Amino acid sequence: MNPTDNTETGDVRTLQDRLWKAVTGRDEHRAADIVLTALEDGVDAETILLDLIAPVQVKVGAQWAANRLSVAQEHAATAITERVIAALAHHPAVRTPPALGRVTVACVDQEWHVLPARLLAEVLTLRGWQVDFLGAQVPTHHLITHLHHHGADAVALSSSLPTRLPTAHAAITACQAIGIPVLTGGAAFGPDGRYARLLGANAWAPDARAAARQLADGIPPPSLAAGRQQIDDLPHLADQEYTFVARSQGQLVRGVLARLEEQFPAMAAYTTPQRERTAEDIGHIVDFLAAALYTDDDDLFTTFIIWTAGILTARHVPARSLHPALNILAAELKDFPRSTRLLDQARFALDGAPLPAGTHPGVTA
């Protein structure tokens, strides 16, 4: 937390507590009043965005992961947060005439976690940038069309889910091909930006303030390598394992489900909604396996499996239910060396990481 000089840490924490009660109590008017009153009391807009609103939203996600908020409650709280940000952005006191360059801010295709990108767009606007905020799930070809029509000094790409990394790679490459540098951010790129570097992004920032500083310092334009393809950055893709797993996702999920009940007898008593959620969980496992194959990173898949075990534990589903699913998937992919390695590492980590109730790897409060 980085409160400004006119705001004490304790004051911000008090405001966080009040805002938390408002958004989780579905009181949009109260939430807006808390934020706008703080602005009128002298708290600057950037502090409100990053030290008040953002931590409350992080807590919303963490409480969902801990099964203390339902999906509907999480969605409602997030929707209120988005509208409060809009109210703050439209307040006359925070209007800043653009005096710097132009930045396009967008989430990569299929990425629907839009709030981190929205916060960055508002911070850059406050600092004097002309910002084109394109929102969530922006297909790469639409992004490039926008850049051709309107131009940009830089593109800021956001992604929260590692499963979107292949799509992010395509977007990075496409932007660079027309001479526009790409700044990346969001949890998908790793806490240290390792996947941003792997995918050839021009820059990575851990948060909105760092991103704003990097843009102010200037991001050098990309060197235009004629005919550069994604496989040039990731030569391990030549083995086609990623392609097979990604394209066979539905078939793999059906194969695991067909054999799961005989290895996990408790599934026989599952209701239809429970079976649907199980299919969704297996689909996520395959998606993360594909992302790990794309990056050739064992930690990406292992971290997801341990996090999933924590999520299941919080929902009173035994984490051991992951073992048969991973075993069946390993049998399905026994002829694929990198897939076998990733699944072996995940099963080993799961065996060595007992998860008492309330433990949720990968989720920060």
Protein backbone atom coordinates (compact mmCIF):
# COMPACT_ATOMS: atom_id res chain seq x y z
CA MET A 1 0.00 0.00 0.00
CA ASN A 2 1.28 3.45 -0.92
CA PRO A 3 -0.98 6.10 0.56
CA THR A 4 -0.28 9.68 -0.42
CA ASP A 5 1.00 12.27 2.01
CA ASN A 6 -2.51 13.53 2.77
CA THR A 7 -3.81 10.09 3.68
CA GLU A 8 -2.70 8.00 6.65
CA THR A 9 -2.46 4.23 6.27
CA GLY A 10 -5.02 3.77 9.04
CA ASP A 11 -7.47 6.07 7.27
CA VAL A 12 -7.17 4.07 4.05
CA ARG A 13 -7.72 0.81 5.92
CA THR A 14 -10.83 2.25 7.54
CA LEU A 15 -12.11 3.24 4.11
CA GLN A 16 -11.31 -0.25 2.83
CA ASP A 17 -13.39 -1.80 5.60
CA ARG A 18 -16.31 0.49 4.83
CA LEU A 19 -16.10 -0.11 1.10
CA TRP A 20 -15.87 -3.87 1.66
CA LYS A 21 -19.11 -3.81 3.66
CA ALA A 22 -20.82 -1.74 0.97
CA VAL A 23 -19.84 -3.85 -2.05
CA THR A 24 -20.49 -7.19 -0.34
CA GLY A 25 -23.76 -5.78 1.01
CA ARG A 26 -24.77 -4.91 -2.56
CA ASP A 27 -25.13 -1.23 -1.61
CA GLU A 28 -23.93 0.55 -4.73
CA HIS A 29 -24.98 4.02 -3.58
CA ARG A 30 -23.13 3.61 -0.29
CA ALA A 31 -20.02 2.39 -2.10
CA ALA A 32 -20.06 5.37 -4.45
CA ASP A 33 -20.62 7.75 -1.55
CA ILE A 34 -17.58 6.35 0.31
CA VAL A 35 -15.35 6.82 -2.72
CA LEU A 36 -16.58 10.26 -3.74
CA THR A 37 -16.52 11.55 -0.16
CA ALA A 38 -12.91 10.40 0.14
CA LEU A 39 -12.14 12.38 -3.01
CA GLU A 40 -13.83 15.48 -1.62
CA ASP A 41 -11.90 15.02 1.63
CA GLY A 42 -8.62 15.32 -0.24
CA VAL A 43 -7.65 11.74 -1.07
CA ASP A 44 -6.25 11.81 -4.58
CA ALA A 45 -7.96 9.72 -7.25
CA GLU A 46 -5.00 7.43 -7.90
CA THR A 47 -4.79 6.50 -4.23
CA ILE A 48 -8.52 5.78 -4.24
CA LEU A 49 -8.16 3.53 -7.27
CA LEU A 50 -5.05 1.60 -6.23
CA ASP A 51 -5.02 1.69 -2.43
CA LEU A 52 -8.74 1.64 -1.69
CA ILE A 53 -10.70 0.02 -4.53
CA ALA A 54 -8.09 -2.47 -5.77
CA PRO A 55 -7.37 -4.13 -2.38
CA VAL A 56 -11.09 -4.50 -1.72
CA GLN A 57 -11.51 -6.26 -5.06
CA VAL A 58 -8.56 -8.55 -4.29
CA LYS A 59 -10.30 -9.46 -1.05
CA VAL A 60 -13.49 -10.25 -2.98
CA GLY A 61 -11.57 -12.77 -5.07
CA ALA A 62 -9.85 -14.28 -2.06
CA GLN A 63 -13.12 -14.67 -0.18
CA TRP A 64 -14.68 -16.41 -3.18
CA ALA A 65 -11.69 -18.80 -3.28
CA ALA A 66 -12.17 -19.52 0.42
CA ASN A 67 -15.87 -20.29 -0.26
CA ARG A 68 -17.00 -17.37 1.88
CA LEU A 69 -18.63 -15.61 -1.08
CA SER A 70 -20.74 -17.32 -3.73
CA VAL A 71 -20.15 -16.80 -7.42
CA ALA A 72 -23.22 -14.56 -7.53
CA GLN A 73 -21.98 -12.51 -4.57
CA GLU A 74 -18.56 -12.13 -6.19
CA HIS A 75 -20.14 -11.03 -9.48
CA ALA A 76 -22.39 -8.52 -7.74
CA ALA A 77 -19.51 -7.02 -5.76
CA THR A 78 -17.37 -6.76 -8.89
CA ALA A 79 -20.16 -5.10 -10.85
CA ILE A 80 -20.58 -2.49 -8.10
CA THR A 81 -16.82 -1.89 -8.10
CA GLU A 82 -16.84 -1.27 -11.85
CA ARG A 83 -19.67 1.25 -11.58
CA VAL A 84 -17.97 3.03 -8.69
CA ILE A 85 -14.81 3.37 -10.78
CA ALA A 86 -16.91 4.89 -13.57
CA ALA A 87 -18.46 7.37 -11.13
CA LEU A 88 -15.01 8.38 -9.92
CA ALA A 89 -13.67 8.70 -13.47
CA HIS A 90 -16.54 11.01 -14.47
CA HIS A 91 -16.16 13.32 -11.48
CA PRO A 92 -15.13 16.84 -12.60
CA ALA A 93 -12.39 17.00 -9.97
CA VAL A 94 -10.37 14.20 -11.59
CA ARG A 95 -10.49 15.28 -15.22
CA THR A 96 -6.98 15.61 -16.63
CA PRO A 97 -6.42 17.06 -20.11
CA PRO A 98 -4.26 14.68 -22.17
CA ALA A 99 -0.75 16.03 -22.57
CA LEU A 100 1.27 12.89 -23.20
CA GLY A 101 1.09 10.23 -25.89
CA ARG A 102 -1.57 7.69 -26.80
CA VAL A 103 -1.86 4.25 -25.19
CA THR A 104 -4.25 1.46 -26.07
CA VAL A 105 -5.23 -0.67 -23.07
CA ALA A 106 -6.91 -4.02 -23.68
CA CYS A 107 -7.42 -7.50 -22.30
CA VAL A 108 -6.28 -10.31 -24.56
CA ASP A 109 -8.89 -12.38 -26.36
CA GLN A 110 -10.88 -14.67 -24.01
CA GLU A 111 -9.67 -12.77 -20.94
CA TRP A 112 -12.74 -11.50 -19.08
CA HIS A 113 -11.02 -10.28 -15.88
CA VAL A 114 -11.19 -6.64 -16.92
CA LEU A 115 -10.68 -4.76 -13.65
CA PRO A 116 -6.84 -4.67 -13.65
CA ALA A 117 -6.86 -3.20 -17.17
CA ARG A 118 -9.57 -0.71 -16.21
CA LEU A 119 -7.54 0.46 -13.22
CA LEU A 120 -4.47 0.96 -15.43
CA ALA A 121 -6.51 2.88 -18.00
CA GLU A 122 -7.82 5.23 -15.31
CA VAL A 123 -4.37 5.77 -13.78
CA LEU A 124 -2.86 6.58 -17.17
CA THR A 125 -5.71 8.99 -17.89
CA LEU A 126 -5.10 10.72 -14.55
CA ARG A 127 -1.43 11.09 -15.45
CA GLY A 128 -2.20 12.78 -18.75
CA TRP A 129 -2.18 10.03 -21.35
CA GLN A 130 -4.72 9.77 -24.15
CA VAL A 131 -6.10 6.29 -23.43
CA ASP A 132 -8.11 4.03 -25.70
CA PHE A 133 -9.59 1.45 -23.34
CA LEU A 134 -10.92 -1.48 -25.35
CA GLY A 135 -12.11 -3.60 -22.41
CA ALA A 136 -12.27 -7.36 -22.00
CA GLN A 137 -11.80 -10.16 -24.52
CA VAL A 138 -10.40 -8.18 -27.44
CA PRO A 139 -9.72 -10.43 -30.47
CA THR A 140 -6.25 -9.81 -31.84
CA HIS A 141 -7.45 -8.87 -35.32
CA HIS A 142 -9.80 -6.24 -33.88
CA LEU A 143 -6.95 -4.86 -31.77
CA ILE A 144 -4.73 -4.56 -34.83
CA THR A 145 -7.51 -2.94 -36.85
CA HIS A 146 -7.95 -0.37 -34.09
CA LEU A 147 -4.21 0.37 -34.07
CA HIS A 148 -4.16 0.81 -37.85
CA HIS A 149 -7.01 3.32 -37.62
CA HIS A 150 -5.98 5.26 -34.53
CA GLY A 151 -2.31 4.53 -33.83
CA ALA A 152 -0.66 4.28 -30.41
CA ASP A 153 2.68 4.93 -28.80
CA ALA A 154 2.29 1.66 -26.92
CA VAL A 155 -0.18 -1.13 -26.22
CA ALA A 156 -0.81 -2.29 -22.66
CA LEU A 157 -2.06 -5.89 -22.68
CA SER A 158 -3.64 -7.40 -19.60
CA SER A 159 -4.30 -11.04 -18.75
CA SER A 160 -5.08 -12.70 -15.44
CA LEU A 161 -5.32 -16.36 -16.50
CA PRO A 162 -2.22 -18.26 -17.69
CA THR A 163 -4.45 -20.25 -20.03
CA ARG A 164 -4.62 -17.08 -22.16
CA LEU A 165 -0.84 -16.94 -22.70
CA PRO A 166 -0.94 -18.44 -26.21
CA THR A 167 -3.47 -15.79 -27.22
CA ALA A 168 -1.38 -13.11 -25.52
CA HIS A 169 1.64 -14.28 -27.49
CA ALA A 170 -0.25 -13.87 -30.76
CA ALA A 171 -1.34 -10.36 -29.77
CA ILE A 172 2.18 -9.35 -28.72
CA THR A 173 3.64 -10.59 -31.99
CA ALA A 174 0.94 -8.90 -34.07
CA CYS A 175 1.38 -5.50 -32.36
CA GLN A 176 5.14 -5.65 -32.73
CA ALA A 177 4.79 -6.58 -36.40
CA ILE A 178 3.27 -3.13 -37.04
CA GLY A 179 5.93 -1.39 -34.99
CA ILE A 180 4.08 -0.80 -31.71
CA PRO A 181 5.75 -1.85 -28.43
CA VAL A 182 3.80 -3.95 -25.94
CA LEU A 183 3.71 -3.55 -22.17
CA THR A 184 2.19 -6.55 -20.41
CA GLY A 185 0.68 -6.94 -16.96
CA GLY A 186 -1.58 -9.19 -14.94
CA ALA A 187 -1.25 -12.42 -13.00
CA ALA A 188 -1.04 -14.53 -16.18
CA PHE A 189 2.47 -13.28 -16.88
CA GLY A 190 3.85 -14.53 -13.56
CA PRO A 191 4.70 -12.64 -10.37
CA ASP A 192 8.12 -11.79 -11.79
CA GLY A 193 7.07 -11.31 -15.41
CA ARG A 194 8.74 -14.53 -16.55
CA TYR A 195 6.09 -15.30 -19.16
CA ALA A 196 6.16 -11.76 -20.51
CA ARG A 197 9.86 -12.19 -21.19
CA LEU A 198 9.32 -15.67 -22.61
CA LEU A 199 6.74 -14.38 -25.07
CA GLY A 200 8.89 -11.48 -26.18
CA ALA A 201 6.96 -8.55 -24.72
CA ASN A 202 8.82 -5.24 -24.79
CA ALA A 203 8.11 -4.59 -21.12
CA TRP A 204 6.28 -5.96 -18.09
CA ALA A 205 4.98 -4.21 -14.99
CA PRO A 206 3.80 -5.74 -11.70
CA ASP A 207 1.20 -3.04 -11.07
CA ALA A 208 -0.40 0.09 -12.49
CA ARG A 209 2.06 2.53 -10.93
CA ALA A 210 5.05 0.64 -12.32
CA ALA A 211 3.36 0.48 -15.72
CA ALA A 212 2.78 4.22 -15.70
CA ARG A 213 6.42 4.84 -14.81
CA GLN A 214 7.65 2.61 -17.62
CA LEU A 215 5.44 4.34 -20.16
CA ALA A 216 6.62 7.74 -18.94
CA ASP A 217 10.24 6.64 -19.29
CA GLY A 218 9.51 5.38 -22.79
CA ILE A 219 9.37 1.85 -24.19
CA PRO A 220 11.63 1.39 -27.23
CA PRO A 221 9.85 0.32 -30.40
CA PRO A 222 10.23 -3.33 -31.39
CA SER A 223 12.71 -4.42 -34.00
CA LEU A 224 10.68 -5.62 -36.95
CA ALA A 225 11.84 -9.17 -37.61
CA ALA A 226 10.36 -10.08 -40.97
CA GLY A 227 8.38 -13.28 -40.97
CA ARG A 228 8.77 -13.86 -37.23
CA GLN A 229 6.45 -16.58 -35.96
CA GLN A 230 5.46 -17.63 -32.45
CA ILE A 231 7.51 -20.82 -32.77
CA ASP A 232 10.61 -18.66 -33.26
CA ASP A 233 10.22 -17.58 -29.64
CA LEU A 234 9.32 -21.06 -28.35
CA PRO A 235 11.19 -23.76 -30.27
CA HIS A 236 9.82 -26.50 -27.98
CA LEU A 237 6.48 -26.07 -29.75
CA ALA A 238 7.95 -28.01 -32.66
CA ASP A 239 7.05 -31.28 -30.90
CA GLN A 240 3.33 -30.51 -31.42
CA GLU A 241 2.36 -31.63 -27.90
CA TYR A 242 0.74 -28.29 -27.15
CA THR A 243 -1.18 -28.38 -30.41
CA PHE A 244 -2.48 -31.90 -29.74
CA VAL A 245 -3.59 -31.23 -26.18
CA ALA A 246 -5.19 -27.89 -27.03
CA ARG A 247 -7.11 -29.28 -29.97
CA SER A 248 -8.12 -32.46 -28.11
CA GLN A 249 -9.44 -30.70 -25.02
CA GLY A 250 -13.04 -31.91 -25.43
CA GLN A 251 -11.98 -35.44 -26.24
CA LEU A 252 -9.63 -35.59 -23.25
CA VAL A 253 -12.29 -34.28 -20.87
CA ARG A 254 -14.79 -36.88 -22.10
CA GLY A 255 -12.17 -39.63 -21.78
CA VAL A 256 -11.37 -38.70 -18.18
CA LEU A 257 -15.03 -38.45 -17.22
CA ALA A 258 -15.82 -41.83 -18.75
CA ARG A 259 -13.24 -43.56 -16.55
CA LEU A 260 -13.36 -41.37 -13.46
CA GLU A 261 -16.32 -42.99 -11.73
CA GLU A 262 -14.67 -46.43 -11.63
CA GLN A 263 -11.56 -44.94 -9.98
CA PHE A 264 -13.43 -42.51 -7.72
CA PRO A 265 -16.57 -44.36 -6.55
CA ALA A 266 -17.93 -41.36 -4.64
CA MET A 267 -18.77 -39.83 -8.00
CA ALA A 268 -21.62 -42.33 -8.41
CA ALA A 269 -23.65 -40.25 -5.94
CA TYR A 270 -22.96 -36.94 -7.68
CA THR A 271 -25.93 -34.85 -8.77
CA THR A 272 -26.14 -33.48 -12.31
CA PRO A 273 -24.80 -30.04 -11.23
CA GLN A 274 -21.90 -31.76 -9.41
CA ARG A 275 -21.06 -33.74 -12.54
CA GLU A 276 -21.16 -30.56 -14.60
CA ARG A 277 -18.76 -28.85 -12.21
CA THR A 278 -16.49 -31.90 -12.31
CA ALA A 279 -16.40 -31.66 -16.11
CA GLU A 280 -15.56 -27.96 -15.82
CA ASP A 281 -12.73 -28.74 -13.37
CA ILE A 282 -11.28 -31.36 -15.71
CA GLY A 283 -11.54 -28.88 -18.57
CA HIS A 284 -9.54 -26.35 -16.55
CA ILE A 285 -6.91 -29.01 -15.80
CA VAL A 286 -6.49 -29.73 -19.52
CA ASP A 287 -6.40 -26.00 -20.32
CA PHE A 288 -3.64 -25.39 -17.77
CA LEU A 289 -1.75 -28.43 -19.00
CA ALA A 290 -1.86 -26.94 -22.50
CA ALA A 291 -0.61 -23.58 -21.19
CA ALA A 292 2.24 -25.31 -19.36
CA LEU A 293 3.15 -27.15 -22.56
CA TYR A 294 3.10 -23.85 -24.43
CA THR A 295 5.50 -22.23 -21.96
CA ASP A 296 7.35 -25.48 -21.14
CA ASP A 297 7.04 -24.54 -17.48
CA ASP A 298 6.34 -27.22 -14.86
CA ASP A 299 5.57 -24.67 -12.16
CA LEU A 300 2.64 -23.23 -14.08
CA PHE A 301 0.76 -26.53 -14.04
CA THR A 302 1.87 -27.64 -10.59
CA THR A 303 0.85 -24.33 -9.00
CA PHE A 304 -2.57 -24.59 -10.58
CA ILE A 305 -3.09 -28.16 -9.33
CA ILE A 306 -2.14 -27.22 -5.76
CA TRP A 307 -4.37 -24.14 -5.95
CA THR A 308 -7.23 -26.30 -7.23
CA ALA A 309 -6.74 -28.69 -4.32
CA GLY A 310 -7.15 -25.74 -1.97
CA ILE A 311 -10.31 -24.60 -3.74
CA LEU A 312 -11.79 -28.11 -3.51
CA THR A 313 -10.87 -28.41 0.15
CA ALA A 314 -12.67 -25.15 0.93
CA ARG A 315 -15.76 -26.57 -0.77
CA HIS A 316 -15.59 -29.83 1.20
CA VAL A 317 -14.56 -31.85 -1.84
CA PRO A 318 -11.63 -34.17 -1.03
CA ALA A 319 -8.45 -33.05 -2.76
CA ARG A 320 -7.67 -36.72 -3.35
CA SER A 321 -10.30 -36.62 -6.10
CA LEU A 322 -7.64 -34.94 -8.25
CA HIS A 323 -5.43 -38.03 -8.22
CA PRO A 324 -7.62 -40.30 -10.37
CA ALA A 325 -8.25 -37.49 -12.86
CA LEU A 326 -4.51 -36.87 -13.20
CA ASN A 327 -3.81 -40.60 -13.44
CA ILE A 328 -6.34 -41.08 -16.23
CA LEU A 329 -5.03 -38.04 -18.07
CA ALA A 330 -1.48 -39.41 -17.77
CA ALA A 331 -2.63 -42.71 -19.28
CA GLU A 332 -4.33 -40.86 -22.14
CA LEU A 333 -1.10 -38.92 -22.84
CA LYS A 334 1.44 -41.66 -22.12
CA ASP A 335 3.09 -41.21 -25.52
CA PHE A 336 3.82 -37.51 -24.95
CA PRO A 337 7.01 -36.97 -22.95
CA ARG A 338 6.50 -33.36 -21.87
CA SER A 339 2.89 -33.98 -20.87
CA THR A 340 3.99 -37.01 -18.87
CA ARG A 341 6.64 -34.95 -17.11
CA LEU A 342 4.17 -32.20 -16.21
CA LEU A 343 1.59 -34.64 -14.88
CA ASP A 344 4.22 -36.54 -12.87
CA GLN A 345 5.46 -33.30 -11.30
CA ALA A 346 1.91 -32.25 -10.42
CA ARG A 347 1.08 -35.60 -8.82
CA PHE A 348 4.31 -35.53 -6.85
CA ALA A 349 3.56 -32.00 -5.60
CA LEU A 350 0.02 -33.00 -4.66
CA ASP A 351 1.29 -35.97 -2.65
CA GLY A 352 3.76 -33.75 -0.82
CA ALA A 353 1.43 -30.87 -0.10
CA PRO A 354 -1.28 -31.77 2.41
CA LEU A 355 -3.97 -29.11 2.47
CA PRO A 356 -5.74 -28.47 5.75
CA ALA A 357 -9.07 -26.70 5.55
CA GLY A 358 -8.61 -22.99 4.89
CA THR A 359 -5.34 -23.34 2.97
CA HIS A 360 -5.53 -21.88 -0.51
CA PRO A 361 -2.26 -21.85 -2.48
CA GLY A 362 -2.14 -19.26 -5.20
CA VAL A 363 -4.69 -16.93 -3.57
CA THR A 364 -3.57 -13.82 -1.74
CA ALA A 365 -5.74 -11.85 0.58
